[in-house]
C-alpha atoms as a PDB file:
ATOM      1  CA  MET A   1       0.000   0.000   0.000  1.00  0.00           C
ATOM      2  CA  GLU A   2       1.371   3.416  -0.982  1.00  0.00           C
ATOM      3  CA  LEU A   3       1.576   5.573   2.145  1.00  0.00           C
ATOM      4  CA  THR A   4       3.911   8.401   3.049  1.00  0.00           C
ATOM      5  CA  ILE A   5       5.040   8.457   6.668  1.00  0.00           C
ATOM      6  CA  LYS A   6       7.037  11.451   7.856  1.00  0.00           C
ATOM      7  CA  PRO A   7       8.337  12.728  11.199  1.00  0.00           C
ATOM      8  CA  MET A   8       5.931  15.059  12.953  1.00  0.00           C
ATOM      9  CA  GLN A   9       6.829  18.738  12.987  1.00  0.00           C
ATOM     10  CA  PRO A  10       7.192  20.384  16.429  1.00  0.00           C
ATOM     11  CA  GLU A  11       3.821  22.119  16.114  1.00  0.00           C
ATOM     12  CA  GLU A  12       2.134  18.819  15.211  1.00  0.00           C
ATOM     13  CA  ARG A  13       3.412  17.072  18.344  1.00  0.00           C
ATOM     14  CA  LEU A  14       0.995  19.114  20.456  1.00  0.00           C
ATOM     15  CA  TYR A  15      -1.893  17.250  18.835  1.00  0.00           C
ATOM     16  CA  ALA A  16      -0.534  13.752  19.519  1.00  0.00           C
ATOM     17  CA  TYR A  17      -1.895  13.946  23.056  1.00  0.00           C
ATOM     18  CA  GLN A  18      -5.312  14.282  24.648  1.00  0.00           C
ATOM     19  CA  GLN A  19      -6.922  17.649  23.919  1.00  0.00           C
ATOM     20  CA  SER A  20      -9.627  19.728  25.559  1.00  0.00           C
ATOM     21  CA  SER A  21     -13.142  19.680  24.127  1.00  0.00           C
ATOM     22  CA  GLN A  22     -12.546  23.132  22.597  1.00  0.00           C
ATOM     23  CA  ILE A  23      -9.446  22.038  20.691  1.00  0.00           C
ATOM     24  CA  ARG A  24     -11.074  18.767  19.642  1.00  0.00           C
ATOM     25  CA  ALA A  25     -13.882  20.711  18.012  1.00  0.00           C
ATOM     26  CA  GLN A  26     -11.480  23.121  16.298  1.00  0.00           C
ATOM     27  CA  THR A  27      -9.232  20.386  14.891  1.00  0.00           C
ATOM     28  CA  GLY A  28     -11.777  17.781  13.778  1.00  0.00           C
ATOM     29  CA  SER A  29     -10.666  15.221  16.356  1.00  0.00           C
ATOM     30  CA  ILE A  30     -12.289  11.838  15.688  1.00  0.00           C
ATOM     31  CA  GLY A  31     -10.632   9.771  18.423  1.00  0.00           C
ATOM     32  CA  TYR A  32      -7.508   7.772  19.113  1.00  0.00           C
ATOM     33  CA  LEU A  33      -6.179   4.217  19.116  1.00  0.00           C
ATOM     34  CA  ARG A  34      -3.907   3.107  21.942  1.00  0.00           C
ATOM     35  CA  GLY A  35      -1.884  -0.090  21.873  1.00  0.00           C
ATOM     36  CA  ASP A  36       1.068  -2.173  23.019  1.00  0.00           C
ATOM     37  CA  PHE A  37       3.012  -5.239  21.914  1.00  0.00           C
ATOM     38  CA  GLY A  38       2.543  -7.289  25.082  1.00  0.00           C
ATOM     39  CA  LYS A  39       5.220  -9.140  27.024  1.00  0.00           C
ATOM     40  CA  THR A  40       6.701 -10.868  23.990  1.00  0.00           C
ATOM     41  CA  GLY A  41       6.975  -7.667  21.969  1.00  0.00           C
ATOM     42  CA  THR A  42       5.127  -9.244  19.037  1.00  0.00           C
ATOM     43  CA  GLU A  43       1.533  -9.195  20.280  1.00  0.00           C
ATOM     44  CA  PHE A  44      -0.963  -6.480  19.331  1.00  0.00           C
ATOM     45  CA  TYR A  45      -3.384  -5.199  21.958  1.00  0.00           C
ATOM     46  CA  THR A  46      -5.419  -2.073  21.245  1.00  0.00           C
ATOM     47  CA  SER A  47      -8.313  -0.002  22.534  1.00  0.00           C
ATOM     48  CA  TRP A  48     -10.242   2.813  20.856  1.00  0.00           C
ATOM     49  CA  GLN A  49     -11.535   6.055  22.387  1.00  0.00           C
ATOM     50  CA  ASP A  50     -14.099   8.206  20.575  1.00  0.00           C
ATOM     51  CA  HIS A  51     -13.851  11.982  20.604  1.00  0.00           C
ATOM     52  CA  ILE A  52     -16.413  13.719  18.356  1.00  0.00           C
ATOM     53  CA  LYS A  53     -18.523  11.166  16.512  1.00  0.00           C
ATOM     54  CA  SER A  54     -19.926  13.698  14.036  1.00  0.00           C
ATOM     55  CA  PHE A  55     -16.453  13.890  12.457  1.00  0.00           C
ATOM     56  CA  ARG A  56     -16.450  10.125  11.888  1.00  0.00           C
ATOM     57  CA  SER A  57     -17.523   9.906   8.244  1.00  0.00           C
ATOM     58  CA  ASP A  58     -18.366   6.739   6.327  1.00  0.00           C
ATOM     59  CA  ASP A  59     -14.948   6.614   4.670  1.00  0.00           C
ATOM     60  CA  PHE A  60     -12.976   7.057   7.901  1.00  0.00           C
ATOM     61  CA  GLY A  61     -13.216   3.442   9.073  1.00  0.00           C
ATOM     62  CA  ASP A  62     -11.936   2.102   5.764  1.00  0.00           C
ATOM     63  CA  GLU A  63      -9.020   4.560   5.615  1.00  0.00           C
ATOM     64  CA  PHE A  64      -8.115   3.950   9.253  1.00  0.00           C
ATOM     65  CA  ASP A  65      -8.092   0.154   8.858  1.00  0.00           C
ATOM     66  CA  LYS A  66      -5.893   0.394   5.773  1.00  0.00           C
ATOM     67  CA  VAL A  67      -3.365   2.594   7.571  1.00  0.00           C
ATOM     68  CA  VAL A  68      -3.151   0.380  10.665  1.00  0.00           C
ATOM     69  CA  ASN A  69      -2.932  -2.843   8.644  1.00  0.00           C
ATOM     70  CA  ALA A  70      -0.239  -1.374   6.398  1.00  0.00           C
ATOM     71  CA  LEU A  71       1.807  -0.492   9.481  1.00  0.00           C
ATOM     72  CA  ARG A  72       1.318  -4.003  10.860  1.00  0.00           C
ATOM     73  CA  PHE A  73       1.645  -6.284   7.876  1.00  0.00           C
ATOM     74  CA  GLU A  74       3.452  -4.279   5.198  1.00  0.00           C
ATOM     75  CA  ASP A  75       6.766  -2.461   5.116  1.00  0.00           C
ATOM     76  CA  VAL A  76       5.203   0.936   5.773  1.00  0.00           C
ATOM     77  CA  GLY A  77       7.292   2.660   8.407  1.00  0.00           C
ATOM     78  CA  GLY A  78       9.577  -0.351   8.515  1.00  0.00           C
ATOM     79  CA  GLY A  79       6.657  -2.389   9.847  1.00  0.00           C
ATOM     80  CA  LEU A  80       6.154   0.159  12.630  1.00  0.00           C
ATOM     81  CA  PHE A  81       3.291  -1.791  14.219  1.00  0.00           C
ATOM     82  CA  GLY A  82       4.774  -5.217  13.494  1.00  0.00           C
ATOM     83  CA  SER A  83       6.671  -5.564  16.769  1.00  0.00           C
ATOM     84  CA  ARG A  84       8.359  -3.555  19.478  1.00  0.00           C
ATOM     85  CA  ASN A  85      11.776  -4.234  17.937  1.00  0.00           C
ATOM     86  CA  ALA A  86      10.595  -3.065  14.510  1.00  0.00           C
ATOM     87  CA  MET A  87       9.280   0.131  16.071  1.00  0.00           C
ATOM     88  CA  ARG A  88      12.505   0.684  17.995  1.00  0.00           C
ATOM     89  CA  LEU A  89      14.589   0.228  14.834  1.00  0.00           C
ATOM     90  CA  PHE A  90      12.449   2.558  12.714  1.00  0.00           C
ATOM     91  CA  CYS A  91      12.522   5.249  15.392  1.00  0.00           C
ATOM     92  CA  LYS A  92      16.302   4.939  15.641  1.00  0.00           C
ATOM     93  CA  GLU A  93      16.586   5.306  11.863  1.00  0.00           C
ATOM     94  CA  ASN A  94      14.525   8.522  12.016  1.00  0.00           C
ATOM     95  CA  PRO A  95      16.170  10.705  14.687  1.00  0.00           C
ATOM     96  CA  ASP A  96      14.211  13.759  13.486  1.00  0.00           C
ATOM     97  CA  SER A  97      11.103  12.115  14.910  1.00  0.00           C
ATOM     98  CA  ALA A  98      12.432  12.143  18.494  1.00  0.00           C
ATOM     99  CA  PHE A  99      11.187  14.607  21.089  1.00  0.00           C
ATOM    100  CA  GLN A 100      10.908  14.860  24.846  1.00  0.00           C
ATOM    101  CA  GLY A 101       7.512  13.593  25.968  1.00  0.00           C
ATOM    102  CA  ASN A 102       5.849  13.993  29.333  1.00  0.00           C
ATOM    103  CA  TYR A 103       8.278  11.640  31.079  1.00  0.00           C
ATOM    104  CA  CYS A 104      10.531  10.019  28.467  1.00  0.00           C
ATOM    105  CA  GLU A 105      11.798  10.348  24.923  1.00  0.00           C
ATOM    106  CA  GLU A 106       9.086   9.633  22.363  1.00  0.00           C
ATOM    107  CA  PHE A 107       8.868   9.550  18.574  1.00  0.00           C
ATOM    108  CA  GLY A 108       6.231  11.107  16.347  1.00  0.00           C
ATOM    109  CA  PHE A 109       5.072  10.442  12.790  1.00  0.00           C
ATOM    110  CA  ARG A 110       2.291  11.687  10.545  1.00  0.00           C
ATOM    111  CA  ILE A 111       0.380   9.883   7.810  1.00  0.00           C
ATOM    112  CA  ASP A 112      -2.231  11.545   5.586  1.00  0.00           C
ATOM    113  CA  LYS A 113      -4.772   9.306   3.901  1.00  0.00           C
ATOM    114  CA  GLY A 114      -7.697  10.704   1.944  1.00  0.00           C
ATOM    115  CA  ARG A 115      -9.516  13.304   4.024  1.00  0.00           C
ATOM    116  CA  HIS A 116      -7.859  12.251   7.269  1.00  0.00           C
ATOM    117  CA  SER A 117      -4.604  12.731   9.150  1.00  0.00           C
ATOM    118  CA  PHE A 118      -3.094  10.261  11.600  1.00  0.00           C
ATOM    119  CA  LEU A 119      -0.607  11.488  14.205  1.00  0.00           C
ATOM    120  CA  ILE A 120       1.334   8.555  15.641  1.00  0.00           C
ATOM    121  CA  ARG A 121       3.204   8.818  18.931  1.00  0.00           C
ATOM    122  CA  CYS A 122       5.581   5.931  19.661  1.00  0.00           C
ATOM    123  CA  ASN A 123       7.293   4.731  22.826  1.00  0.00           C
ATOM    124  CA  PRO A 124       9.078   1.394  22.202  1.00  0.00           C
ATOM    125  CA  MET A 125       9.572   0.605  25.897  1.00  0.00           C
ATOM    126  CA  VAL A 126       8.508  -2.543  27.741  1.00  0.00           C
ATOM    127  CA  ASP A 127       5.655  -2.333  30.276  1.00  0.00           C
ATOM    128  CA  ASP A 128       4.130   0.776  28.719  1.00  0.00           C
ATOM    129  CA  TYR A 129       1.728   1.716  25.943  1.00  0.00           C
ATOM    130  CA  ASN A 130       3.811   1.558  22.793  1.00  0.00           C
ATOM    131  CA  PHE A 131       1.757   3.743  20.480  1.00  0.00           C
ATOM    132  CA  TYR A 132      -1.101   6.202  20.166  1.00  0.00           C
ATOM    133  CA  VAL A 133      -2.761   7.088  16.864  1.00  0.00           C
ATOM    134  CA  PHE A 134      -4.707  10.354  17.032  1.00  0.00           C
ATOM    135  CA  CYS A 135      -7.127  10.716  14.142  1.00  0.00           C
ATOM    136  CA  TYR A 136      -8.253  14.016  12.637  1.00  0.00           C
ATOM    137  CA  VAL A 137     -10.144  15.500   9.730  1.00  0.00           C
ATOM    138  CA  LYS A 138      -7.140  16.791   7.792  1.00  0.00           C
ATOM    139  CA  GLU A 139      -8.767  20.015   6.593  1.00  0.00           C
ATOM    140  CA  HIS A 140      -9.760  21.064  10.123  1.00  0.00           C
ATOM    141  CA  LEU A 141      -6.420  20.118  11.690  1.00  0.00           C
ATOM    142  CA  ASP A 142      -4.332  21.945   9.104  1.00  0.00           C
ATOM    143  CA  ALA A 143      -6.541  25.052   9.184  1.00  0.00           C
ATOM    144  CA  HIS A 144      -6.300  25.275  12.970  1.00  0.00           C
ATOM    145  CA  MET A 145      -2.511  24.810  13.002  1.00  0.00           C
ATOM    146  CA  GLU A 146      -2.109  27.479  10.321  1.00  0.00           C
ATOM    147  CA  LYS A 147      -4.060  29.998  12.407  1.00  0.00           C
ATOM    148  CA  ALA A 148      -2.159  28.969  15.546  1.00  0.00           C
ATOM    149  CA  LYS A 149       1.082  30.108  13.873  1.00  0.00           C
ATOM    150  CA  ASN A 150      -0.019  33.675  14.664  1.00  0.00           C
ATOM    151  CA  GLY A 151       0.558  32.890  18.332  1.00  0.00           C
ATOM    152  CA  ILE A 152      -1.404  33.601  21.497  1.00  0.00           C
ATOM    153  CA  ARG A 153      -1.825  37.289  22.293  1.00  0.00           C
ATOM    154  CA  PHE A 154      -1.546  38.800  25.745  1.00  0.00           C
ATOM    155  CA  ILE A 155      -2.903  42.315  26.062  1.00  0.00           C
ATOM    156  CA  THR A 156      -3.822  45.051  28.514  1.00  0.00           C
ATOM    157  CA  PRO A 157      -7.506  45.687  29.314  1.00  0.00           C
ATOM    158  CA  GLU A 158      -7.230  48.555  26.786  1.00  0.00           C
ATOM    159  CA  TYR A 159      -6.263  46.005  24.103  1.00  0.00           C
ATOM    160  CA  ARG A 160      -2.625  47.099  23.860  1.00  0.00           C
ATOM    161  CA  GLU A 161      -0.585  44.046  22.944  1.00  0.00           C
ATOM    162  CA  LEU A 162       2.064  43.077  25.503  1.00  0.00           C
ATOM    163  CA  PHE A 163       3.532  40.000  23.836  1.00  0.00           C
ATOM    164  CA  ARG A 164       2.731  36.815  21.936  1.00  0.00           C
ATOM    165  CA  ILE A 165       3.772  33.253  22.591  1.00  0.00           C
ATOM    166  CA  ALA A 166       3.645  30.183  20.378  1.00  0.00           C
ATOM    167  CA  ASP A 167       0.913  27.593  20.857  1.00  0.00           C
ATOM    168  CA  GLY A 168       1.858  25.282  23.723  1.00  0.00           C
ATOM    169  CA  GLU A 169       4.290  27.722  25.373  1.00  0.00           C
ATOM    170  CA  GLN A 170       4.137  28.761  29.027  1.00  0.00           C
ATOM    171  CA  ILE A 171       3.570  31.989  30.911  1.00  0.00           C
ATOM    172  CA  GLN A 172       4.539  32.872  34.467  1.00  0.00           C
ATOM    173  CA  ILE A 173       1.983  34.629  36.668  1.00  0.00           C
ATOM    174  CA  THR A 174       3.340  36.531  39.665  1.00  0.00           C
ATOM    175  CA  ARG A 175       0.836  37.356  42.426  1.00  0.00           C
ATOM    176  CA  PRO A 176       1.131  40.471  44.638  1.00  0.00           C
ATOM    177  CA  ASN A 177       2.531  38.289  47.452  1.00  0.00           C
ATOM    178  CA  GLY A 178       5.360  37.119  45.175  1.00  0.00           C
ATOM    179  CA  GLU A 179       3.894  33.663  44.489  1.00  0.00           C
ATOM    180  CA  LYS A 180       4.772  32.478  40.984  1.00  0.00           C
ATOM    181  CA  THR A 181       2.771  30.023  38.880  1.00  0.00           C
ATOM    182  CA  LEU A 182       3.516  28.518  35.468  1.00  0.00           C
ATOM    183  CA  ARG A 183       0.639  27.955  33.045  1.00  0.00           C
ATOM    184  CA  THR A 184       0.712  26.186  29.685  1.00  0.00           C
ATOM    185  CA  CYS A 185      -1.285  28.029  27.016  1.00  0.00           C
ATOM    186  CA  ARG A 186      -3.097  26.668  23.975  1.00  0.00           C
ATOM    187  CA  TYR A 187      -4.392  28.572  20.974  1.00  0.00           C
ATOM    188  CA  ILE A 188      -8.150  28.481  20.375  1.00  0.00           C
ATOM    189  CA  ASP A 189      -8.649  31.432  18.041  1.00  0.00           C
ATOM    190  CA  GLU A 190      -7.462  35.027  17.623  1.00  0.00           C
ATOM    191  CA  THR A 191      -9.232  36.195  20.779  1.00  0.00           C
ATOM    192  CA  HIS A 192      -9.445  33.051  22.948  1.00  0.00           C
ATOM    193  CA  ALA A 193      -6.883  30.807  24.631  1.00  0.00           C
ATOM    194  CA  GLU A 194      -6.698  28.018  27.157  1.00  0.00           C
ATOM    195  CA  ILE A 195      -4.540  29.130  30.062  1.00  0.00           C
ATOM    196  CA  GLY A 196      -3.830  26.184  32.301  1.00  0.00           C
ATOM    197  CA  SER A 197      -5.809  22.953  32.213  1.00  0.00           C
ATOM    198  CA  ASN A 198      -9.141  23.463  30.405  1.00  0.00           C
ATOM    199  CA  ASN A 199      -9.422  27.123  31.497  1.00  0.00           C
ATOM    200  CA  LEU A 200     -10.838  28.998  28.506  1.00  0.00           C
ATOM    201  CA  TYR A 201     -10.449  32.788  28.473  1.00  0.00           C
ATOM    202  CA  HIS A 202     -11.146  35.665  26.166  1.00  0.00           C
ATOM    203  CA  ILE A 203      -7.828  37.511  26.033  1.00  0.00           C
ATOM    204  CA  CYS A 204      -9.441  40.713  27.349  1.00  0.00           C
ATOM    205  CA  GLN A 205     -11.108  38.779  30.186  1.00  0.00           C
ATOM    206  CA  PHE A 206      -7.718  37.396  31.226  1.00  0.00           C
ATOM    207  CA  ALA A 207      -6.122  40.860  31.040  1.00  0.00           C
ATOM    208  CA  GLU A 208      -8.834  42.305  33.283  1.00  0.00           C
ATOM    209  CA  MET A 209      -8.412  39.451  35.763  1.00  0.00           C
ATOM    210  CA  MET A 210      -4.664  40.088  35.975  1.00  0.00           C
ATOM    211  CA  GLU A 211      -5.251  43.800  36.572  1.00  0.00           C
ATOM    212  CA  GLU A 212      -7.966  43.234  39.190  1.00  0.00           C
ATOM    213  CA  THR A 213      -5.790  40.827  41.190  1.00  0.00           C
ATOM    214  CA  GLY A 214      -2.640  42.929  40.829  1.00  0.00           C
ATOM    215  CA  SER A 215      -0.872  40.045  39.084  1.00  0.00           C
ATOM    216  CA  LYS A 216       1.807  40.277  36.428  1.00  0.00           C
ATOM    217  CA  VAL A 217       2.303  37.903  33.522  1.00  0.00           C
ATOM    218  CA  ILE A 218       5.427  37.286  31.446  1.00  0.00           C
ATOM    219  CA  PRO A 219       6.276  34.789  28.679  1.00  0.00           C
ATOM    220  CA  MET A 220       8.511  31.841  29.547  1.00  0.00           C
ATOM    221  CA  ARG A 221       9.719  31.143  26.031  1.00  0.00           C
ATOM    222  CA  SER A 222      11.049  27.665  25.320  1.00  0.00           C
ATOM    223  CA  SER A 223      13.489  29.319  22.908  1.00  0.00           C
ATOM    224  CA  LEU A 224      15.318  30.731  25.949  1.00  0.00           C
ATOM    225  CA  PRO A 225      17.604  28.696  28.240  1.00  0.00           C
ATOM    226  CA  GLU A 226      16.867  28.416  31.947  1.00  0.00           C
ATOM    227  CA  LYS A 227      20.026  30.399  32.629  1.00  0.00           C
ATOM    228  CA  CYS A 228      23.064  31.811  30.868  1.00  0.00           C
ATOM    229  CA  PHE A 229      26.254  33.750  31.523  1.00  0.00           C
ATOM    230  CA  SER A 230      26.835  37.308  30.368  1.00  0.00           C
ATOM    231  CA  THR A 231      28.749  40.434  31.330  1.00  0.00           C
ATOM    232  CA  LEU A 232      27.582  43.758  32.685  1.00  0.00           C
ATOM    233  CA  PRO A 233      27.157  46.250  29.834  1.00  0.00           C
ATOM    234  CA  SER A 234      29.059  48.842  31.880  1.00  0.00           C
ATOM    235  CA  ALA A 235      31.952  46.629  33.034  1.00  0.00           C
ATOM    236  CA  ASP A 236      33.796  43.414  32.247  1.00  0.00           C
ATOM    237  CA  LYS A 237      32.195  41.510  35.127  1.00  0.00           C
ATOM    238  CA  LEU A 238      30.769  38.003  34.782  1.00  0.00           C
ATOM    239  CA  ILE A 239      27.092  37.572  35.703  1.00  0.00           C
ATOM    240  CA  ILE A 240      24.437  34.838  35.676  1.00  0.00           C
ATOM    241  CA  ILE A 241      20.972  35.540  34.264  1.00  0.00           C
ATOM    242  CA  GLN A 242      17.968  33.345  35.091  1.00  0.00           C
ATOM    243  CA  LYS A 243      14.964  33.173  32.785  1.00  0.00           C
ATOM    244  CA  GLY A 244      12.012  35.157  34.080  1.00  0.00           C
ATOM    245  CA  GLU A 245      14.004  36.923  36.803  1.00  0.00           C
ATOM    246  CA  MET A 246      14.839  40.624  36.838  1.00  0.00           C
ATOM    247  CA  GLY A 247      18.441  41.597  37.483  1.00  0.00           C
ATOM    248  CA  TYR A 248      21.395  39.232  37.683  1.00  0.00           C
ATOM    249  CA  ILE A 249      23.575  37.187  40.014  1.00  0.00           C
ATOM    250  CA  PRO A 250      27.300  38.059  40.206  1.00  0.00           C
ATOM    251  CA  SER A 251      29.435  35.064  39.225  1.00  0.00           C
ATOM    252  CA  GLU A 252      32.685  34.195  40.937  1.00  0.00           C
ATOM    253  CA  MET A 253      33.703  31.776  38.184  1.00  0.00           C
ATOM    254  CA  GLN A 254      37.085  32.506  36.667  1.00  0.00           C
ATOM    255  CA  ILE A 255      38.989  30.936  33.796  1.00  0.00           C
ATOM    256  CA  ALA A 256      42.742  31.492  33.909  1.00  0.00           C
ATOM    257  CA  GLY A 257      43.942  33.896  31.262  1.00  0.00           C
ATOM    258  CA  LYS A 258      40.433  34.758  30.082  1.00  0.00           C
ATOM    259  CA  THR A 259      38.456  37.969  30.403  1.00  0.00           C
ATOM    260  CA  ALA A 260      34.928  37.889  31.809  1.00  0.00           C
ATOM    261  CA  ARG A 261      33.570  38.197  28.261  1.00  0.00           C
ATOM    262  CA  GLU A 262      35.633  35.253  27.070  1.00  0.00           C
ATOM    263  CA  ALA A 263      34.623  33.212  30.134  1.00  0.00           C
ATOM    264  CA  ALA A 264      30.945  33.919  29.431  1.00  0.00           C
ATOM    265  CA  ASP A 265      31.365  32.748  25.829  1.00  0.00           C
ATOM    266  CA  ILE A 266      33.069  29.530  26.930  1.00  0.00           C
ATOM    267  CA  ALA A 267      30.457  28.772  29.605  1.00  0.00           C
ATOM    268  CA  ASN A 268      27.520  29.497  27.292  1.00  0.00           C
ATOM    269  CA  ASP A 269      29.016  27.399  24.510  1.00  0.00           C
ATOM    270  CA  THR A 270      29.383  24.487  26.950  1.00  0.00           C
ATOM    271  CA  MET A 271      25.683  24.795  27.892  1.00  0.00           C
ATOM    272  CA  GLY A 272      24.572  25.172  24.273  1.00  0.00           C
ATOM    273  CA  VAL A 273      23.485  28.788  24.724  1.00  0.00           C
ATOM    274  CA  THR A 274      23.706  30.868  21.538  1.00  0.00           C
ATOM    275  CA  LYS A 275      24.637  34.530  21.261  1.00  0.00           C
ATOM    276  CA  LYS A 276      21.098  35.474  20.255  1.00  0.00           C
ATOM    277  CA  GLN A 277      19.764  33.703  23.349  1.00  0.00           C
ATOM    278  CA  GLU A 278      22.253  35.504  25.597  1.00  0.00           C
ATOM    279  CA  ALA A 279      21.301  38.860  24.081  1.00  0.00           C
ATOM    280  CA  ALA A 280      17.596  38.179  24.673  1.00  0.00           C
ATOM    281  CA  MET A 281      18.227  36.985  28.235  1.00  0.00           C
ATOM    282  CA  LEU A 282      20.224  40.125  29.034  1.00  0.00           C
ATOM    283  CA  ALA A 283      17.475  42.352  27.623  1.00  0.00           C
ATOM    284  CA  GLY A 284      14.805  40.507  29.590  1.00  0.00           C
ATOM    285  CA  SER A 285      16.707  40.814  32.847  1.00  0.00           C
ATOM    286  CA  LEU A 286      17.251  44.550  32.311  1.00  0.00           C
ATOM    287  CA  PHE A 287      14.074  45.784  30.615  1.00  0.00           C
ATOM    288  CA  GLY A 288      11.447  43.144  31.395  1.00  0.00           C
ATOM    289  CA  TRP A 289      10.509  39.820  29.825  1.00  0.00           C
ATOM    290  CA  GLN A 290       7.491  41.195  27.970  1.00  0.00           C
ATOM    291  CA  THR A 291       9.668  43.365  25.741  1.00  0.00           C
ATOM    292  CA  PRO A 292      10.341  42.191  22.147  1.00  0.00           C
ATOM    293  CA  ALA A 293      14.056  42.506  22.937  1.00  0.00           C
ATOM    294  CA  ALA A 294      13.681  39.472  25.244  1.00  0.00           C
ATOM    295  CA  ASP A 295      12.818  37.226  22.280  1.00  0.00           C
ATOM    296  CA  PRO A 296      15.842  35.599  20.554  1.00  0.00           C
ATOM    297  CA  LYS A 297      14.100  35.678  17.163  1.00  0.00           C
ATOM    298  CA  ASN A 298      14.835  39.427  17.093  1.00  0.00           C
ATOM    299  CA  TYR A 299      18.624  38.896  16.943  1.00  0.00           C
ATOM    300  CA  ASP A 300      21.047  37.569  14.360  1.00  0.00           C
ATOM    301  CA  ASP A 301      23.484  34.731  15.033  1.00  0.00           C
ATOM    302  CA  ASN A 302      26.022  37.174  16.463  1.00  0.00           C
ATOM    303  CA  GLY A 303      23.541  38.516  19.005  1.00  0.00           C
ATOM    304  CA  ASN A 304      22.980  41.801  17.186  1.00  0.00           C
ATOM    305  CA  PRO A 305      19.424  43.198  16.995  1.00  0.00           C
ATOM    306  CA  ILE A 306      17.689  42.635  13.676  1.00  0.00           C
ATOM    307  CA  LYS A 307      16.403  45.899  12.284  1.00  0.00           C
ATOM    308  CA  PRO A 308      12.656  45.719  11.591  1.00  0.00           C
ATOM    309  CA  ALA A 309      11.726  45.934   7.945  1.00  0.00           C
ATOM    310  CA  LYS A 310      10.673  49.415   6.902  1.00  0.00           C
ATOM    311  CA  LYS A 311       6.996  49.723   6.123  1.00  0.00           C
ATOM    312  CA  LYS A 312       6.214  51.057   2.696  1.00  0.00           C
ATOM    313  CA  ASN A 313       4.500  54.426   2.549  1.00  0.00           C
ATOM    314  CA  ARG A 314       1.445  53.446   0.563  1.00  0.00           C
ATOM    315  CA  GLU A 315       0.638  57.112  -0.123  1.00  0.00           C
ATOM    316  CA  TYR A 316       3.637  57.286  -2.454  1.00  0.00           C
ATOM    317  CA  GLU A 317       3.412  53.810  -3.943  1.00  0.00           C
ATOM    318  CA  ARG A 318       2.946  53.626  -7.702  1.00  0.00           C
END
């Protein structure tokens, strides 16, 4: 059977897990198959869970059966559903499919068949579920993911935009007493988001709630490291910056024969921190984490700010 199986993109991985009722409706979620290969690694035990039955068209069952059987009995995905060893080998041969799951490394693949999309999450470990197949109406899933690329907006009650985060990113809420809480956010539409588990808000409603409670919210971008080294702009002194925290911590680390700037570069390189990340971290610690300067996408590879493109003056366009 001719099927194309490809590693899931980062934005697709979000939909290879259980979703809220709001996201299910937006994405055309039909349901999911869960299974494992038993003690021997060659058995095939599965269970099915319905989501929204109205999305389950007459042709879905036939397409779904063909996909699962091709993964079991044919060489699609290296016989991905043939055995635990076959799954382990195929995942190893496709390192781009690997990502950090909720508690272990997992592997994700996507198959499109007819009007439907199948997002497959694999975990070839013993004594665990080895795979999940989340089934969607392709048109609905793709349309929702395309809109979600615009990000989740956070605004003031007057509708002034503070910042945007990508779908699935986290924010940090700081209460007046200093208590800090992390919340994962999911895109619903341009004016609605889930903030925390199944908490649906209009973005203006959330802004008003933050103002009424005296709370502050900042983005906790996954594109930033948890910490990095830098130097004070006014002096060659080594400092440590922590994501989400204002100010810095003086560092007593020294490297013989190296300046503080050189030591920061060596330490950051060891931790895998890029120059654009360091520049964004420094800006966040100095000017606040809501500022665009605290986003590494606004810097080049050398850590220099990227100049925004000049807007054309339409009045003089010909």
